[in-house]
Amino acid sequence: MNPGSLLDIASLSAQDIRSYLDLADKMDPLQPQTLLAGKRVILLFYEASTRTRISFELAAKALGATTILITAAASSIEKGESLLDTGYTLRALNADAIVMRHPSSGAPHTLSQHIDIPVINAGDGMHEHPSQGLLDARTILQHKKKLDGLRLTIVGDIFHSRVARSNAHLLTKMGAHVTFCGPPELCPSVAAKLVPNGSVRVTHDLEDGIRDADVVMLLRIQKERLEGMELRVQDYIDRFQMTRERLGWIKPDAIVMHPGPIVRGLELTSEVADHERAVILNQVHNGVPTRMAILARALGKA
């Protein structure tokens, strides 16, 4: 495995995390650089993506790299080509790094074990989304002085969320206290064991979950994942939707986050999405400098 690969947050140290965040602070997407001039960055996306894919593409180009997008529907992948054969082909075509999104947990790890160039995980199944965790931490630090001692509550579909996993690993490593909140069907009690040090709390009551939070992060609810469950969409809205009235439950200086895409009228109302406490667009903005830092470090140009 190439040492420049970024496959998850779980394997990073607090020092590694600080290194990425410090480097991101030095990156300016509006000042084009030649740091990665001559490098070829492949965007290998087996799943649809808007924010992550465009963000990585803008980050690579801001550093002077050439990008090539490969999607499952427009390549030999659709014809049944294996993941490893795709990786071998891209390496033979002189790719310098692969940014990869895949529906199967662990797919980037598997590829990284068989090719000698950096593999960057842009989201794998229900496992992790490390670049999202890093950009979320950067966003929080722009509004809060430090992560140590911070109280963050993640609300929604914890069970399926790679964002929740990456954030829980990162924030607890940095000394924050994380609470998972949602209905039992989407936020099982076993989720408390996700982080080894036991610093994750689980609650099925929204007011209890967000009452003392410094940060509230909402997760997208996909209606198709509720099929076969006793939980109905309206039940979720009644119990867990973030509304203007429920903003009164959180601290006066607390911020509201969402990795996107947001579903207005489901996990939050339009009033909350557009509220001054919401930093959702700040998260999107922070995606490019954060991913510039990831690419620079991956290719040894940090």
Protein backbone atom coordinates (compact mmCIF):
# COMPACT_ATOMS: atom_id res chain seq x y z
CA MET A 1 0.00 0.00 0.00
CA ASN A 2 1.27 3.46 -0.88
CA PRO A 3 1.89 5.55 2.28
CA GLY A 4 0.06 8.47 0.68
CA SER A 5 -3.26 6.60 0.62
CA LEU A 6 -6.13 7.91 2.74
CA LEU A 7 -8.49 5.00 3.36
CA ASP A 8 -10.18 5.86 6.65
CA ILE A 9 -10.06 8.00 9.77
CA ALA A 10 -9.98 5.03 12.15
CA SER A 11 -6.31 4.30 11.37
CA LEU A 12 -5.15 7.93 11.67
CA SER A 13 -3.56 9.37 14.79
CA ALA A 14 -4.55 12.72 16.28
CA GLN A 15 -1.26 14.05 14.91
CA ASP A 16 -2.15 12.84 11.40
CA ILE A 17 -5.50 14.59 11.64
CA ARG A 18 -3.92 17.85 12.79
CA SER A 19 -1.43 17.59 9.93
CA TYR A 20 -4.22 17.38 7.34
CA LEU A 21 -6.13 20.25 8.94
CA ASP A 22 -3.04 22.47 9.22
CA LEU A 23 -2.19 21.82 5.57
CA ALA A 24 -5.76 22.59 4.49
CA ASP A 25 -5.44 26.00 6.16
CA LYS A 26 -2.57 26.80 3.79
CA MET A 27 -4.50 25.88 0.65
CA ASP A 28 -6.21 28.58 -1.41
CA PRO A 29 -8.37 27.27 -4.28
CA LEU A 30 -8.52 30.76 -5.79
CA GLN A 31 -4.74 30.92 -6.21
CA PRO A 32 -3.87 28.27 -8.83
CA GLN A 33 -0.68 26.37 -8.08
CA THR A 34 1.67 24.05 -9.93
CA LEU A 35 2.32 21.76 -6.97
CA LEU A 36 0.89 18.77 -8.83
CA ALA A 37 1.74 19.87 -12.36
CA GLY A 38 2.14 16.85 -14.61
CA LYS A 39 0.28 14.53 -12.24
CA ARG A 40 -2.75 12.50 -13.36
CA VAL A 41 -5.53 12.09 -10.80
CA ILE A 42 -8.19 9.52 -11.67
CA LEU A 43 -11.67 10.00 -10.25
CA LEU A 44 -13.04 6.46 -10.14
CA PHE A 45 -16.68 6.69 -9.11
CA TYR A 46 -18.81 3.56 -8.95
CA GLU A 47 -21.60 5.60 -7.34
CA ALA A 48 -23.18 8.91 -8.27
CA SER A 49 -21.75 11.95 -6.52
CA THR A 50 -21.96 15.70 -6.86
CA ARG A 51 -20.22 17.49 -3.99
CA THR A 52 -17.41 15.02 -3.40
CA ARG A 53 -16.56 14.41 -7.04
CA ILE A 54 -16.62 18.06 -8.08
CA SER A 55 -14.73 19.06 -4.95
CA PHE A 56 -11.91 16.58 -5.62
CA GLU A 57 -11.79 17.64 -9.28
CA LEU A 58 -11.53 21.33 -8.38
CA ALA A 59 -8.91 20.52 -5.74
CA ALA A 60 -6.73 18.58 -8.20
CA LYS A 61 -6.99 21.25 -10.88
CA ALA A 62 -6.23 24.03 -8.38
CA LEU A 63 -2.95 22.22 -7.70
CA GLY A 64 -2.15 21.92 -11.41
CA ALA A 65 -3.01 18.24 -11.89
CA THR A 66 -4.90 16.68 -14.80
CA THR A 67 -8.11 14.85 -13.86
CA ILE A 68 -9.92 12.03 -15.59
CA LEU A 69 -13.41 10.95 -14.52
CA ILE A 70 -14.40 7.29 -14.82
CA THR A 71 -17.91 6.19 -13.90
CA ALA A 72 -19.29 2.67 -13.76
CA ALA A 73 -21.95 3.39 -16.37
CA ALA A 74 -19.52 4.75 -18.96
CA SER A 75 -16.63 2.31 -18.80
CA SER A 76 -15.65 -1.35 -18.97
CA ILE A 77 -16.84 -1.64 -15.38
CA GLU A 78 -20.37 -1.93 -16.76
CA LYS A 79 -19.19 -4.89 -18.85
CA GLY A 80 -18.08 -6.75 -15.75
CA GLU A 81 -14.44 -5.74 -15.41
CA SER A 82 -13.18 -6.45 -11.89
CA LEU A 83 -12.04 -3.75 -9.50
CA LEU A 84 -8.46 -5.01 -9.54
CA ASP A 85 -8.30 -5.19 -13.33
CA THR A 86 -9.58 -1.63 -13.52
CA GLY A 87 -6.90 -0.58 -11.06
CA TYR A 88 -4.15 -2.40 -12.97
CA THR A 89 -5.31 -0.74 -16.19
CA LEU A 90 -5.26 2.74 -14.69
CA ARG A 91 -1.79 2.13 -13.25
CA ALA A 92 -0.56 0.95 -16.66
CA LEU A 93 -1.90 4.21 -18.12
CA ASN A 94 0.38 6.10 -15.71
CA ALA A 95 -2.21 7.28 -13.22
CA ASP A 96 -0.52 8.96 -10.26
CA ALA A 97 -3.41 8.70 -7.78
CA ILE A 98 -6.92 7.27 -7.66
CA VAL A 99 -9.81 8.93 -5.85
CA MET A 100 -12.40 6.22 -5.44
CA ARG A 101 -16.05 5.92 -4.40
CA HIS A 102 -17.49 2.43 -4.21
CA PRO A 103 -20.73 0.87 -2.87
CA SER A 104 -18.84 -1.95 -1.15
CA SER A 105 -17.22 -1.35 2.22
CA GLY A 106 -13.49 -2.00 2.06
CA ALA A 107 -13.14 -1.73 -1.73
CA PRO A 108 -10.53 1.10 -1.58
CA HIS A 109 -8.53 -0.92 0.96
CA THR A 110 -8.52 -3.92 -1.38
CA LEU A 111 -7.37 -1.86 -4.36
CA SER A 112 -4.65 -0.14 -2.34
CA GLN A 113 -3.13 -3.52 -1.47
CA HIS A 114 -2.60 -4.35 -5.14
CA ILE A 115 -1.33 -1.14 -6.74
CA ASP A 116 1.59 1.06 -5.75
CA ILE A 117 -0.02 4.49 -6.18
CA PRO A 118 -2.09 6.38 -3.59
CA VAL A 119 -5.75 5.44 -3.25
CA ILE A 120 -8.03 8.01 -1.63
CA ASN A 121 -11.33 6.79 -0.26
CA ALA A 122 -14.15 9.10 -1.36
CA GLY A 123 -16.75 6.96 0.40
CA ASP A 124 -17.04 3.17 0.57
CA GLY A 125 -20.35 1.53 1.31
CA MET A 126 -21.39 1.84 4.94
CA HIS A 127 -17.77 2.12 6.10
CA GLU A 128 -16.15 5.57 5.99
CA HIS A 129 -15.90 8.90 4.19
CA PRO A 130 -12.59 10.29 5.51
CA SER A 131 -12.39 13.50 3.47
CA GLN A 132 -15.87 14.46 4.68
CA GLY A 133 -14.77 13.90 8.27
CA LEU A 134 -11.78 16.17 7.78
CA LEU A 135 -13.71 18.97 6.09
CA ASP A 136 -16.36 18.77 8.81
CA ALA A 137 -13.67 19.16 11.46
CA ARG A 138 -12.26 22.15 9.60
CA THR A 139 -15.72 23.71 9.47
CA ILE A 140 -16.25 23.20 13.19
CA LEU A 141 -12.90 24.79 14.01
CA GLN A 142 -13.87 27.89 12.06
CA HIS A 143 -16.75 28.37 14.50
CA LYS A 144 -15.38 26.80 17.69
CA LYS A 145 -11.97 27.34 19.28
CA LYS A 146 -11.09 23.65 19.62
CA LEU A 147 -12.41 20.13 19.24
CA ASP A 148 -11.25 18.92 22.64
CA GLY A 149 -14.22 18.87 25.01
CA LEU A 150 -16.71 19.77 22.28
CA ARG A 151 -20.14 18.11 22.34
CA LEU A 152 -21.43 17.01 18.94
CA THR A 153 -24.68 15.19 18.21
CA ILE A 154 -25.25 13.35 14.94
CA VAL A 155 -28.95 12.89 14.17
CA GLY A 156 -30.51 10.52 11.66
CA ASP A 157 -29.64 7.29 9.87
CA ILE A 158 -26.53 6.30 11.82
CA PHE A 159 -26.77 2.66 10.74
CA HIS A 160 -26.07 3.33 7.05
CA SER A 161 -23.90 6.44 7.42
CA ARG A 162 -20.21 6.43 6.51
CA VAL A 163 -20.17 10.14 7.41
CA ALA A 164 -21.26 9.34 10.97
CA ARG A 165 -18.50 6.76 11.29
CA SER A 166 -15.71 9.02 10.03
CA ASN A 167 -16.85 11.92 12.19
CA ALA A 168 -17.15 9.74 15.29
CA HIS A 169 -13.63 8.37 14.84
CA LEU A 170 -12.12 11.79 14.14
CA LEU A 171 -13.85 13.80 16.82
CA THR A 172 -13.31 11.30 19.62
CA LYS A 173 -9.62 11.06 18.71
CA MET A 174 -9.47 14.84 19.12
CA GLY A 175 -11.16 14.77 22.54
CA ALA A 176 -14.75 15.58 21.57
CA HIS A 177 -17.85 13.88 22.97
CA VAL A 178 -20.14 12.37 20.34
CA THR A 179 -23.82 11.44 20.67
CA PHE A 180 -25.73 9.41 18.09
CA CYS A 181 -29.44 10.22 17.98
CA GLY A 182 -32.26 8.67 15.98
CA PRO A 183 -34.98 6.04 16.04
CA PRO A 184 -33.83 2.54 17.10
CA GLU A 185 -34.31 1.25 13.55
CA LEU A 186 -31.72 3.72 12.23
CA CYS A 187 -29.68 4.27 15.38
CA PRO A 188 -29.29 0.95 17.23
CA SER A 189 -27.81 0.93 20.72
CA VAL A 190 -24.86 -1.14 19.47
CA ALA A 191 -23.66 2.01 17.64
CA ALA A 192 -22.17 3.11 20.96
CA LYS A 193 -19.45 0.48 20.40
CA LEU A 194 -18.40 1.98 17.08
CA VAL A 195 -15.47 3.83 18.67
CA PRO A 196 -13.20 1.65 20.84
CA ASN A 197 -12.71 4.19 23.64
CA GLY A 198 -16.41 4.17 24.49
CA SER A 199 -16.89 7.92 24.16
CA VAL A 200 -20.00 7.67 21.97
CA ARG A 201 -23.44 7.92 23.56
CA VAL A 202 -26.69 6.75 21.93
CA THR A 203 -30.12 8.24 22.55
CA HIS A 204 -33.48 7.85 20.84
CA ASP A 205 -34.85 11.18 22.07
CA LEU A 206 -34.06 14.30 20.05
CA GLU A 207 -34.35 16.82 22.87
CA ASP A 208 -32.10 14.69 25.08
CA GLY A 209 -29.61 14.34 22.25
CA ILE A 210 -29.20 17.99 21.30
CA ARG A 211 -29.89 19.84 24.56
CA ASP A 212 -26.22 20.43 25.47
CA ALA A 213 -24.69 20.07 21.99
CA ASP A 214 -22.21 22.58 20.60
CA VAL A 215 -22.72 21.10 17.13
CA VAL A 216 -25.73 19.29 15.67
CA MET A 217 -25.08 17.33 12.48
CA LEU A 218 -28.10 16.10 10.55
CA LEU A 219 -27.91 13.15 8.16
CA ARG A 220 -29.90 12.58 4.99
CA ILE A 221 -32.82 10.19 5.28
CA GLN A 222 -33.31 8.00 2.22
CA LYS A 223 -36.94 6.91 1.99
CA GLU A 224 -36.07 3.67 0.21
CA ARG A 225 -34.10 2.54 3.25
CA LEU A 226 -37.25 2.74 5.37
CA GLU A 227 -38.98 0.12 3.24
CA GLY A 228 -39.62 -3.00 5.26
CA MET A 229 -39.26 -1.13 8.56
CA GLU A 230 -42.06 -0.25 10.94
CA LEU A 231 -40.72 3.30 10.95
CA ARG A 232 -42.65 5.58 8.63
CA VAL A 233 -41.41 8.81 7.10
CA GLN A 234 -43.98 10.86 8.97
CA ASP A 235 -42.93 9.23 12.26
CA TYR A 236 -39.37 10.35 11.62
CA ILE A 237 -40.48 13.88 10.77
CA ASP A 238 -42.60 14.12 13.91
CA ARG A 239 -39.85 12.91 16.23
CA PHE A 240 -36.52 13.93 14.69
CA GLN A 241 -36.95 16.65 12.09
CA MET A 242 -34.98 19.77 13.00
CA THR A 243 -37.37 22.71 13.03
CA ARG A 244 -37.05 26.35 13.95
CA GLU A 245 -38.80 25.64 17.24
CA ARG A 246 -36.39 22.82 18.07
CA LEU A 247 -33.45 25.13 17.48
CA GLY A 248 -34.49 26.55 20.83
CA TRP A 249 -33.33 23.30 22.45
CA ILE A 250 -29.69 23.80 21.48
CA LYS A 251 -27.11 26.21 22.89
CA PRO A 252 -27.35 29.82 21.64
CA ASP A 253 -23.98 29.50 19.90
CA ALA A 254 -24.45 25.96 18.60
CA ILE A 255 -24.11 25.35 14.86
CA VAL A 256 -26.12 23.05 12.57
CA MET A 257 -24.36 20.93 9.94
CA HIS A 258 -25.39 18.54 7.17
CA PRO A 259 -23.07 16.69 4.74
CA GLY A 260 -25.65 17.00 1.96
CA PRO A 261 -27.59 16.57 -0.10
CA ILE A 262 -30.24 17.97 2.21
CA VAL A 263 -33.88 16.95 1.91
CA ARG A 264 -35.92 19.97 2.91
CA GLY A 265 -39.08 18.95 4.72
CA LEU A 266 -37.64 15.64 5.91
CA GLU A 267 -34.57 15.82 8.14
CA LEU A 268 -34.87 19.60 8.42
CA THR A 269 -37.16 22.43 7.43
CA SER A 270 -36.23 25.17 4.98
CA GLU A 271 -36.14 27.61 7.90
CA VAL A 272 -33.35 25.60 9.51
CA ALA A 273 -31.47 25.01 6.25
CA ASP A 274 -31.34 28.76 5.64
CA HIS A 275 -30.88 29.79 9.27
CA GLU A 276 -27.83 31.81 10.37
CA ARG A 277 -26.79 28.91 12.61
CA ALA A 278 -26.62 26.52 9.65
CA VAL A 279 -23.09 26.15 8.24
CA ILE A 280 -23.99 23.71 5.47
CA LEU A 281 -22.57 25.84 2.66
CA ASN A 282 -19.42 26.42 4.73
CA GLN A 283 -18.95 22.66 4.68
CA VAL A 284 -19.21 22.62 0.90
CA HIS A 285 -16.73 25.51 0.65
CA ASN A 286 -14.24 23.73 2.91
CA GLY A 287 -14.30 20.63 0.73
CA VAL A 288 -11.88 22.01 -1.86
CA PRO A 289 -9.00 23.20 0.38
CA THR A 290 -9.34 20.07 2.51
CA ARG A 291 -9.11 17.82 -0.53
CA MET A 292 -6.25 19.89 -1.90
CA ALA A 293 -4.38 19.01 1.29
CA ILE A 294 -5.27 15.33 0.92
CA LEU A 295 -4.03 15.21 -2.69
CA ALA A 296 -0.85 17.16 -1.92
CA ARG A 297 0.01 14.82 0.92
CA ALA A 298 -0.90 11.73 -1.10
CA LEU A 299 1.52 12.69 -3.86
CA GLY A 300 4.35 13.73 -1.54
CA LYS A 301 3.99 17.46 -2.14
CA ALA A 302 2.77 18.50 1.32
